[in-house]
Amino acid sequence: MLREFIRTDASFLKTHTTQPKWWKISKIFVLLGALIAVGFIFNVWKAAVWLGVIVVLTTAMHFMYRIKTHVYTKTWMDFKVWEVDGKLIYGRIGFMYYPLVAAIFVIATAIILLI
């Protein structure tokens, strides 16, 4: 069951059009750059905590979208789905997703500042 969840999600993440291809690639570099900066500014332990908080919160956000969209088949909030000739078409996400990502970065940074 878990294997099928992972396979479904991985397939969707590779093929979806809800984000431009350049963003899918550049967000990895943004995260790595921020992780390196946090490691230099604070220390490796705090960088690991920062990354852990981001992983936990983004995973929670991912599952929230997964559940609310009925595994990427229904429109919910900024996740738009249309069916054209039996094929699902996805609109760009934004008004909720990107502020949530920014909030996750702020929360993770606040946590390492407090510890």
N, C-alpha and C. Protein backbone atom coordinates (compact mmCIF):
# COMPACT_ATOMS: atom_id res chain seq x y z
N MET A 1 0.82 -1.19 0.00
CA MET A 1 0.00 0.00 0.00
C MET A 1 0.87 1.26 0.00
N LEU A 2 1.86 1.34 0.86
CA LEU A 2 2.76 2.48 0.90
C LEU A 2 3.54 2.60 -0.41
N ARG A 3 3.95 1.46 -0.94
CA ARG A 3 4.69 1.45 -2.22
C ARG A 3 3.84 2.06 -3.33
N GLU A 4 2.55 1.74 -3.35
CA GLU A 4 1.65 2.28 -4.37
C GLU A 4 1.46 3.80 -4.18
N PHE A 5 1.35 4.26 -2.92
CA PHE A 5 1.27 5.70 -2.65
C PHE A 5 2.49 6.41 -3.21
N ILE A 6 3.66 5.88 -2.92
CA ILE A 6 4.91 6.50 -3.36
C ILE A 6 4.99 6.49 -4.88
N ARG A 7 4.62 5.39 -5.50
CA ARG A 7 4.66 5.28 -6.95
C ARG A 7 3.71 6.29 -7.60
N THR A 8 2.50 6.42 -7.06
CA THR A 8 1.52 7.37 -7.58
C THR A 8 2.02 8.80 -7.45
N ASP A 9 2.53 9.12 -6.27
CA ASP A 9 3.03 10.48 -6.04
C ASP A 9 4.24 10.80 -6.89
N ALA A 10 5.17 9.87 -6.99
CA ALA A 10 6.37 10.09 -7.81
C ALA A 10 6.00 10.29 -9.27
N SER A 11 5.06 9.51 -9.76
CA SER A 11 4.61 9.66 -11.14
C SER A 11 3.98 11.03 -11.36
N PHE A 12 3.14 11.44 -10.42
CA PHE A 12 2.51 12.77 -10.54
C PHE A 12 3.55 13.87 -10.48
N LEU A 13 4.48 13.78 -9.53
CA LEU A 13 5.49 14.84 -9.36
C LEU A 13 6.37 14.99 -10.59
N LYS A 14 6.64 13.88 -11.28
CA LYS A 14 7.48 13.95 -12.49
C LYS A 14 6.74 14.58 -13.66
N THR A 15 5.42 14.37 -13.73
CA THR A 15 4.69 14.75 -14.94
C THR A 15 3.77 15.95 -14.79
N HIS A 16 3.53 16.43 -13.58
CA HIS A 16 2.53 17.50 -13.41
C HIS A 16 2.98 18.79 -14.06
N THR A 17 1.99 19.62 -14.36
CA THR A 17 2.25 20.92 -14.98
C THR A 17 1.83 22.06 -14.06
N THR A 18 1.68 21.80 -12.77
CA THR A 18 1.23 22.83 -11.84
C THR A 18 2.34 23.83 -11.51
N GLN A 19 3.57 23.48 -11.81
CA GLN A 19 4.70 24.38 -11.63
C GLN A 19 5.54 24.34 -12.90
N PRO A 20 6.12 25.47 -13.28
CA PRO A 20 7.01 25.45 -14.45
C PRO A 20 8.21 24.53 -14.19
N LYS A 21 8.71 23.94 -15.25
CA LYS A 21 9.85 23.02 -15.12
C LYS A 21 11.05 23.70 -14.48
N TRP A 22 11.30 24.97 -14.83
CA TRP A 22 12.45 25.68 -14.26
C TRP A 22 12.30 25.80 -12.74
N TRP A 23 11.06 25.93 -12.24
CA TRP A 23 10.86 26.06 -10.78
C TRP A 23 11.10 24.72 -10.09
N LYS A 24 10.66 23.62 -10.72
CA LYS A 24 10.89 22.30 -10.14
C LYS A 24 12.38 22.07 -9.90
N ILE A 25 13.21 22.53 -10.83
CA ILE A 25 14.65 22.35 -10.72
C ILE A 25 15.28 23.39 -9.79
N SER A 26 14.88 24.65 -9.96
CA SER A 26 15.54 25.70 -9.17
C SER A 26 15.20 25.63 -7.69
N LYS A 27 14.04 25.09 -7.30
CA LYS A 27 13.73 25.03 -5.87
C LYS A 27 14.67 24.08 -5.14
N ILE A 28 15.23 23.11 -5.82
CA ILE A 28 16.23 22.23 -5.22
C ILE A 28 17.49 23.04 -4.90
N PHE A 29 17.91 23.88 -5.85
CA PHE A 29 19.09 24.71 -5.62
C PHE A 29 18.85 25.78 -4.56
N VAL A 30 17.64 26.33 -4.52
CA VAL A 30 17.30 27.30 -3.48
C VAL A 30 17.39 26.64 -2.10
N LEU A 31 16.83 25.45 -1.98
CA LEU A 31 16.86 24.73 -0.71
C LEU A 31 18.30 24.39 -0.31
N LEU A 32 19.09 23.89 -1.24
CA LEU A 32 20.49 23.57 -0.94
C LEU A 32 21.29 24.81 -0.56
N GLY A 33 21.08 25.91 -1.28
CA GLY A 33 21.77 27.16 -0.95
C GLY A 33 21.39 27.66 0.43
N ALA A 34 20.10 27.60 0.75
CA ALA A 34 19.64 28.04 2.07
C ALA A 34 20.19 27.12 3.16
N LEU A 35 20.24 25.83 2.88
CA LEU A 35 20.79 24.88 3.85
C LEU A 35 22.27 25.16 4.12
N ILE A 36 23.03 25.43 3.09
CA ILE A 36 24.45 25.75 3.25
C ILE A 36 24.61 27.06 4.03
N ALA A 37 23.78 28.05 3.70
CA ALA A 37 23.85 29.33 4.42
C ALA A 37 23.52 29.15 5.90
N VAL A 38 22.48 28.38 6.19
CA VAL A 38 22.11 28.12 7.60
C VAL A 38 23.25 27.40 8.30
N GLY A 39 23.88 26.45 7.63
CA GLY A 39 25.00 25.72 8.21
C GLY A 39 26.18 26.62 8.53
N PHE A 40 26.47 27.58 7.62
CA PHE A 40 27.58 28.50 7.87
C PHE A 40 27.25 29.53 8.95
N ILE A 41 26.04 30.05 8.92
CA ILE A 41 25.64 31.08 9.88
C ILE A 41 25.50 30.51 11.28
N PHE A 42 24.92 29.34 11.39
CA PHE A 42 24.69 28.74 12.70
C PHE A 42 25.69 27.61 12.90
N ASN A 43 25.26 26.39 12.68
CA ASN A 43 26.16 25.24 12.72
C ASN A 43 25.48 24.07 12.04
N VAL A 44 26.18 22.99 11.88
CA VAL A 44 25.66 21.84 11.15
C VAL A 44 24.44 21.24 11.86
N TRP A 45 24.50 21.20 13.20
CA TRP A 45 23.39 20.62 13.95
C TRP A 45 22.11 21.43 13.72
N LYS A 46 22.20 22.76 13.80
CA LYS A 46 21.03 23.60 13.57
C LYS A 46 20.56 23.52 12.11
N ALA A 47 21.48 23.35 11.20
CA ALA A 47 21.11 23.18 9.79
C ALA A 47 20.33 21.88 9.61
N ALA A 48 20.74 20.83 10.31
CA ALA A 48 20.02 19.56 10.24
C ALA A 48 18.61 19.69 10.83
N VAL A 49 18.50 20.41 11.94
CA VAL A 49 17.18 20.66 12.55
C VAL A 49 16.32 21.46 11.59
N TRP A 50 16.89 22.51 11.00
CA TRP A 50 16.19 23.36 10.04
C TRP A 50 15.66 22.52 8.87
N LEU A 51 16.53 21.69 8.31
CA LEU A 51 16.11 20.83 7.20
C LEU A 51 15.04 19.84 7.65
N GLY A 52 15.19 19.28 8.85
CA GLY A 52 14.20 18.34 9.36
C GLY A 52 12.83 18.98 9.51
N VAL A 53 12.79 20.20 10.02
CA VAL A 53 11.52 20.91 10.16
C VAL A 53 10.90 21.14 8.79
N ILE A 54 11.71 21.54 7.83
CA ILE A 54 11.21 21.77 6.47
C ILE A 54 10.67 20.48 5.87
N VAL A 55 11.38 19.38 6.03
CA VAL A 55 10.93 18.10 5.48
C VAL A 55 9.60 17.69 6.11
N VAL A 56 9.49 17.80 7.43
CA VAL A 56 8.25 17.41 8.11
C VAL A 56 7.08 18.29 7.67
N LEU A 57 7.28 19.59 7.65
CA LEU A 57 6.18 20.50 7.30
C LEU A 57 5.80 20.42 5.82
N THR A 58 6.77 20.27 4.93
CA THR A 58 6.43 20.15 3.51
C THR A 58 5.78 18.80 3.22
N THR A 59 6.17 17.77 3.94
CA THR A 59 5.50 16.48 3.79
C THR A 59 4.05 16.58 4.25
N ALA A 60 3.82 17.26 5.36
CA ALA A 60 2.45 17.48 5.84
C ALA A 60 1.64 18.26 4.80
N MET A 61 2.25 19.29 4.21
CA MET A 61 1.57 20.07 3.19
C MET A 61 1.26 19.21 1.96
N HIS A 62 2.21 18.38 1.58
CA HIS A 62 2.02 17.48 0.44
C HIS A 62 0.82 16.56 0.68
N PHE A 63 0.77 15.96 1.87
CA PHE A 63 -0.34 15.05 2.16
C PHE A 63 -1.66 15.79 2.29
N MET A 64 -1.63 17.04 2.75
CA MET A 64 -2.85 17.84 2.80
C MET A 64 -3.40 18.02 1.38
N TYR A 65 -2.53 18.40 0.44
CA TYR A 65 -2.95 18.53 -0.95
C TYR A 65 -3.41 17.19 -1.52
N ARG A 66 -2.68 16.14 -1.21
CA ARG A 66 -3.02 14.80 -1.72
C ARG A 66 -4.40 14.38 -1.26
N ILE A 67 -4.71 14.58 0.01
CA ILE A 67 -6.00 14.18 0.57
C ILE A 67 -7.11 15.07 0.04
N LYS A 68 -6.92 16.37 0.09
CA LYS A 68 -7.98 17.31 -0.30
C LYS A 68 -8.29 17.26 -1.80
N THR A 69 -7.32 16.84 -2.62
CA THR A 69 -7.56 16.76 -4.07
C THR A 69 -7.94 15.35 -4.51
N HIS A 70 -8.17 14.47 -3.54
CA HIS A 70 -8.52 13.08 -3.85
C HIS A 70 -7.50 12.46 -4.80
N VAL A 71 -6.26 12.52 -4.37
CA VAL A 71 -5.09 12.02 -5.12
C VAL A 71 -5.00 12.68 -6.49
N TYR A 72 -5.02 14.03 -6.47
CA TYR A 72 -4.77 14.87 -7.64
C TYR A 72 -5.82 14.74 -8.74
N THR A 73 -7.07 14.46 -8.35
CA THR A 73 -8.12 14.32 -9.35
C THR A 73 -9.23 15.37 -9.20
N LYS A 74 -9.23 16.13 -8.11
CA LYS A 74 -10.28 17.13 -7.85
C LYS A 74 -9.65 18.49 -7.56
N THR A 75 -10.37 19.53 -7.92
CA THR A 75 -9.94 20.89 -7.62
C THR A 75 -10.08 21.15 -6.13
N TRP A 76 -9.07 21.79 -5.55
CA TRP A 76 -9.13 22.24 -4.15
C TRP A 76 -8.24 23.45 -4.00
N MET A 77 -8.79 24.54 -3.46
CA MET A 77 -8.07 25.79 -3.24
C MET A 77 -7.36 26.22 -4.52
N ASP A 78 -6.02 26.29 -4.51
CA ASP A 78 -5.28 26.75 -5.68
C ASP A 78 -4.85 25.62 -6.60
N PHE A 79 -5.28 24.41 -6.33
CA PHE A 79 -4.99 23.25 -7.17
C PHE A 79 -6.19 23.04 -8.08
N LYS A 80 -6.05 23.39 -9.36
CA LYS A 80 -7.16 23.34 -10.31
C LYS A 80 -7.00 22.16 -11.26
N VAL A 81 -8.10 21.41 -11.44
CA VAL A 81 -8.09 20.24 -12.31
C VAL A 81 -9.27 20.33 -13.27
N TRP A 82 -9.00 20.11 -14.55
CA TRP A 82 -10.04 20.03 -15.57
C TRP A 82 -9.88 18.72 -16.30
N GLU A 83 -10.98 18.21 -16.80
CA GLU A 83 -10.92 17.00 -17.62
C GLU A 83 -11.25 17.39 -19.05
N VAL A 84 -10.32 17.08 -19.95
CA VAL A 84 -10.49 17.37 -21.36
C VAL A 84 -10.25 16.08 -22.13
N ASP A 85 -11.27 15.62 -22.82
CA ASP A 85 -11.20 14.37 -23.60
C ASP A 85 -10.70 13.20 -22.75
N GLY A 86 -11.17 13.12 -21.51
CA GLY A 86 -10.82 12.02 -20.63
C GLY A 86 -9.45 12.13 -19.98
N LYS A 87 -8.75 13.24 -20.23
CA LYS A 87 -7.41 13.45 -19.66
C LYS A 87 -7.47 14.60 -18.65
N LEU A 88 -6.81 14.42 -17.51
CA LEU A 88 -6.78 15.47 -16.49
C LEU A 88 -5.75 16.53 -16.86
N ILE A 89 -6.18 17.78 -16.81
CA ILE A 89 -5.33 18.93 -17.08
C ILE A 89 -5.23 19.73 -15.79
N TYR A 90 -4.01 20.13 -15.42
CA TYR A 90 -3.78 20.84 -14.16
C TYR A 90 -3.40 22.28 -14.43
N GLY A 91 -3.98 23.18 -13.64
CA GLY A 91 -3.62 24.60 -13.71
C GLY A 91 -2.44 24.88 -12.80
N ARG A 92 -1.86 26.04 -12.96
CA ARG A 92 -0.74 26.46 -12.10
C ARG A 92 -1.25 26.71 -10.68
N ILE A 93 -0.44 26.33 -9.71
CA ILE A 93 -0.80 26.60 -8.32
C ILE A 93 -0.16 27.89 -7.88
N GLY A 94 -0.59 28.44 -6.75
CA GLY A 94 0.06 29.66 -6.34
C GLY A 94 -0.45 30.35 -5.11
N PHE A 95 -1.70 30.79 -5.09
CA PHE A 95 -2.11 31.72 -4.04
C PHE A 95 -2.06 31.11 -2.65
N MET A 96 -2.06 29.81 -2.53
CA MET A 96 -1.93 29.20 -1.20
C MET A 96 -0.59 28.48 -1.05
N TYR A 97 -0.17 27.80 -2.08
CA TYR A 97 1.03 26.96 -2.02
C TYR A 97 2.29 27.76 -1.71
N TYR A 98 2.56 28.79 -2.47
CA TYR A 98 3.81 29.54 -2.30
C TYR A 98 3.88 30.29 -0.97
N PRO A 99 2.80 30.92 -0.50
CA PRO A 99 2.86 31.49 0.86
C PRO A 99 3.06 30.43 1.94
N LEU A 100 2.50 29.23 1.74
CA LEU A 100 2.75 28.14 2.70
C LEU A 100 4.22 27.74 2.72
N VAL A 101 4.83 27.66 1.55
CA VAL A 101 6.26 27.32 1.47
C VAL A 101 7.08 28.40 2.17
N ALA A 102 6.76 29.67 1.93
CA ALA A 102 7.46 30.76 2.60
C ALA A 102 7.28 30.68 4.11
N ALA A 103 6.06 30.38 4.56
CA ALA A 103 5.78 30.25 5.99
C ALA A 103 6.58 29.09 6.60
N ILE A 104 6.72 28.01 5.86
CA ILE A 104 7.50 26.86 6.35
C ILE A 104 8.96 27.27 6.55
N PHE A 105 9.52 28.02 5.61
CA PHE A 105 10.91 28.49 5.77
C PHE A 105 11.04 29.40 6.99
N VAL A 106 10.06 30.28 7.19
CA VAL A 106 10.09 31.19 8.33
C VAL A 106 9.97 30.40 9.64
N ILE A 107 9.07 29.43 9.70
CA ILE A 107 8.90 28.61 10.90
C ILE A 107 10.18 27.85 11.22
N ALA A 108 10.77 27.23 10.20
CA ALA A 108 12.02 26.47 10.41
C ALA A 108 13.13 27.39 10.92
N THR A 109 13.22 28.59 10.37
CA THR A 109 14.24 29.54 10.80
C THR A 109 13.98 30.01 12.23
N ALA A 110 12.71 30.28 12.54
CA ALA A 110 12.35 30.70 13.90
C ALA A 110 12.70 29.61 14.93
N ILE A 111 12.46 28.37 14.56
CA ILE A 111 12.77 27.26 15.48
C ILE A 111 14.26 27.20 15.77
N ILE A 112 15.10 27.32 14.75
CA ILE A 112 16.54 27.22 15.04
C ILE A 112 17.05 28.46 15.78
N LEU A 113 16.36 29.58 15.63
CA LEU A 113 16.75 30.77 16.39
C LEU A 113 16.39 30.60 17.88
N LEU A 114 15.36 29.81 18.14
CA LEU A 114 14.91 29.61 19.53
C LEU A 114 15.66 28.51 20.27
N ILE A 115 16.34 27.63 19.52
CA ILE A 115 17.04 26.53 20.20
C ILE A 115 18.51 26.87 20.41
